[in-house]
Amino acid sequence: MKRLLAAVLFLIGMTGIATACPNWQLPGVQSYYTTGQDLWTPNSYSVTAGGDQYLRNCGFNHSGYVISRPDFEFQIDGLQGYNRLNIRAVGSCDTVLLVNDSTGGWWFNDDGLGNLNPSIDVYNPVNGVWDVWVGTYGTGYCSATLTLETF
């Protein structure tokens, strides 16, 4: 009986941890509708990078801190005809990107743009909802700019 109670308490505790992790099912802090053609010209958005959720504690094989809700939720249509979607961030600190794409795939980058800034290229992107977290490599917060662009 004690083992059963301990197992139940452990599972309840783990559920609490999991719900605090990045969750694509939560609404984005900021939500936008855009199209592949709109993104032919880079579109930029201001954000405070960082959070209290350490990605490694959430089952990701990457280091970085984000919030639970996506910083951005983009409904992107008209991506057919564009072979690449670039998502990048520039911050006043070491920033990271975490993206859940429209097919449910996860993407992460730390320094792909250089100078401690991340960049993700998604080839043959698919229409739908894209959730984006702009985090920090360390525990602090900083101002950042997220940019999306199609090619």
Protein backbone atom coordinates (compact mmCIF):
# COMPACT_ATOMS: atom_id res chain seq x y z
CA MET A 1 0.00 0.00 0.00
CA LYS A 2 2.85 2.39 0.83
CA ARG A 3 4.45 1.67 -2.55
CA LEU A 4 1.19 2.43 -4.36
CA LEU A 5 0.79 5.71 -2.46
CA ALA A 6 4.42 6.65 -3.16
CA ALA A 7 3.96 5.87 -6.88
CA VAL A 8 0.80 8.00 -7.08
CA LEU A 9 2.50 10.92 -5.31
CA PHE A 10 5.51 10.60 -7.62
CA LEU A 11 3.28 10.68 -10.72
CA ILE A 12 1.37 13.69 -9.41
CA GLY A 13 4.68 15.46 -8.78
CA MET A 14 5.95 14.63 -12.28
CA THR A 15 2.71 15.90 -13.81
CA GLY A 16 3.27 19.25 -12.12
CA ILE A 17 6.77 19.42 -13.55
CA ALA A 18 5.63 18.53 -17.06
CA THR A 19 2.87 21.14 -17.13
CA ALA A 20 5.43 23.86 -16.38
CA CYS A 21 7.54 22.92 -19.42
CA PRO A 22 7.15 24.50 -22.88
CA ASN A 23 3.63 23.62 -23.97
CA TRP A 24 2.56 24.22 -27.58
CA GLN A 25 -1.08 23.69 -26.53
CA LEU A 26 -1.09 26.91 -24.52
CA PRO A 27 -1.97 30.12 -26.36
CA GLY A 28 0.94 32.28 -27.41
CA VAL A 29 1.72 35.43 -25.45
CA GLN A 30 1.52 37.20 -28.81
CA SER A 31 -0.52 35.81 -31.75
CA TYR A 32 -0.23 36.78 -35.40
CA TYR A 33 -1.63 35.79 -38.77
CA THR A 34 0.74 36.09 -41.71
CA THR A 35 1.46 34.58 -45.11
CA GLY A 36 4.51 33.33 -46.93
CA GLN A 37 4.30 36.39 -49.18
CA ASP A 38 4.13 38.75 -46.16
CA LEU A 39 7.31 37.13 -44.87
CA TRP A 40 9.14 37.62 -48.17
CA THR A 41 10.03 40.91 -46.51
CA PRO A 42 11.46 40.13 -43.05
CA ASN A 43 8.93 40.69 -40.25
CA SER A 44 10.32 41.49 -36.80
CA TYR A 45 8.72 41.29 -33.36
CA SER A 46 9.96 42.50 -29.96
CA VAL A 47 10.11 40.08 -27.05
CA THR A 48 11.66 39.59 -23.65
CA ALA A 49 13.87 36.52 -24.00
CA GLY A 50 14.23 34.00 -21.19
CA GLY A 51 12.12 32.17 -18.70
CA ASP A 52 12.09 29.90 -15.69
CA GLN A 53 11.79 26.54 -17.50
CA TYR A 54 15.14 24.79 -18.06
CA LEU A 55 14.82 22.79 -21.29
CA ARG A 56 16.92 19.84 -20.08
CA ASN A 57 14.52 19.37 -17.13
CA CYS A 58 11.69 19.15 -19.67
CA GLY A 59 13.15 16.29 -21.70
CA PHE A 60 14.87 18.38 -24.36
CA ASN A 61 18.49 17.56 -25.18
CA HIS A 62 19.37 21.27 -25.23
CA SER A 63 20.33 23.95 -22.73
CA GLY A 64 18.28 27.10 -22.37
CA TYR A 65 15.53 28.79 -20.39
CA VAL A 66 12.06 29.63 -21.75
CA ILE A 67 8.57 30.32 -20.43
CA SER A 68 5.81 27.69 -20.53
CA ARG A 69 3.58 29.47 -23.05
CA PRO A 70 4.97 30.16 -26.50
CA ASP A 71 6.20 33.72 -26.80
CA PHE A 72 4.59 33.75 -30.24
CA GLU A 73 1.90 31.80 -32.01
CA PHE A 74 1.90 32.36 -35.78
CA GLN A 75 -0.81 31.13 -38.12
CA ILE A 76 1.11 31.06 -41.40
CA ASP A 77 -0.63 30.34 -44.70
CA GLY A 78 0.58 30.52 -48.29
CA LEU A 79 3.93 28.84 -47.63
CA GLN A 80 3.70 26.70 -50.74
CA GLY A 81 6.09 28.13 -53.29
CA TYR A 82 8.60 29.12 -50.61
CA ASN A 83 11.29 26.55 -50.04
CA ARG A 84 12.66 28.02 -46.81
CA LEU A 85 11.37 29.74 -43.68
CA ASN A 86 14.07 31.40 -41.59
CA ILE A 87 13.36 32.11 -37.92
CA ARG A 88 16.05 34.07 -36.08
CA ALA A 89 16.50 36.13 -32.95
CA VAL A 90 18.90 38.84 -31.95
CA GLY A 91 19.15 39.71 -28.28
CA SER A 92 21.15 41.78 -25.87
CA CYS A 93 22.26 38.49 -24.26
CA ASP A 94 22.91 34.88 -25.34
CA THR A 95 19.55 33.84 -26.82
CA VAL A 96 18.11 30.48 -27.94
CA LEU A 97 15.15 29.52 -30.13
CA LEU A 98 12.67 26.71 -29.59
CA VAL A 99 10.04 26.15 -32.29
CA ASN A 100 7.14 23.74 -32.60
CA ASP A 101 6.27 23.74 -36.29
CA SER A 102 2.92 23.21 -37.98
CA THR A 103 3.54 19.46 -38.28
CA GLY A 104 4.36 19.03 -34.58
CA GLY A 105 8.13 18.89 -35.11
CA TRP A 106 10.49 20.51 -32.63
CA TRP A 107 13.42 22.72 -33.64
CA PHE A 108 16.12 24.24 -31.45
CA ASN A 109 19.11 26.50 -32.08
CA ASP A 110 21.56 28.35 -29.90
CA ASP A 111 24.21 30.24 -31.88
CA GLY A 112 23.41 29.55 -35.55
CA LEU A 113 23.27 33.23 -36.49
CA GLY A 114 26.57 33.95 -34.74
CA ASN A 115 27.33 36.41 -31.94
CA LEU A 116 25.33 34.32 -29.43
CA ASN A 117 22.15 34.59 -31.54
CA PRO A 118 20.07 31.66 -32.90
CA SER A 119 18.76 30.96 -36.39
CA ILE A 120 16.63 28.10 -37.71
CA ASP A 121 16.04 27.30 -41.38
CA VAL A 122 13.03 25.12 -42.11
CA TYR A 123 13.02 23.81 -45.67
CA ASN A 124 9.69 23.19 -47.42
CA PRO A 125 7.67 24.71 -44.54
CA VAL A 126 4.03 23.70 -44.15
CA ASN A 127 1.04 26.00 -43.58
CA GLY A 128 -0.41 26.03 -40.09
CA VAL A 129 0.34 27.13 -36.54
CA TRP A 130 3.97 27.75 -35.56
CA ASP A 131 4.79 28.22 -31.87
CA VAL A 132 8.02 30.06 -31.05
CA TRP A 133 9.88 30.51 -27.78
CA VAL A 134 12.74 33.00 -27.52
CA GLY A 135 14.81 31.93 -24.56
CA THR A 136 18.18 32.56 -23.03
CA TYR A 137 21.14 30.25 -22.63
CA GLY A 138 21.55 31.38 -19.01
CA THR A 139 19.05 32.16 -16.29
CA GLY A 140 18.64 35.88 -17.03
CA TYR A 141 16.23 37.83 -19.20
CA CYS A 142 16.97 40.34 -21.95
CA SER A 143 15.32 42.25 -24.75
CA ALA A 144 15.35 40.56 -28.14
CA THR A 145 13.92 40.77 -31.62
CA LEU A 146 12.45 37.76 -33.42
CA THR A 147 12.49 37.85 -37.22
CA LEU A 148 10.70 35.55 -39.70
CA GLU A 149 11.51 35.53 -43.41
CA THR A 150 10.69 33.31 -46.39
CA PHE A 151 12.93 32.51 -49.34
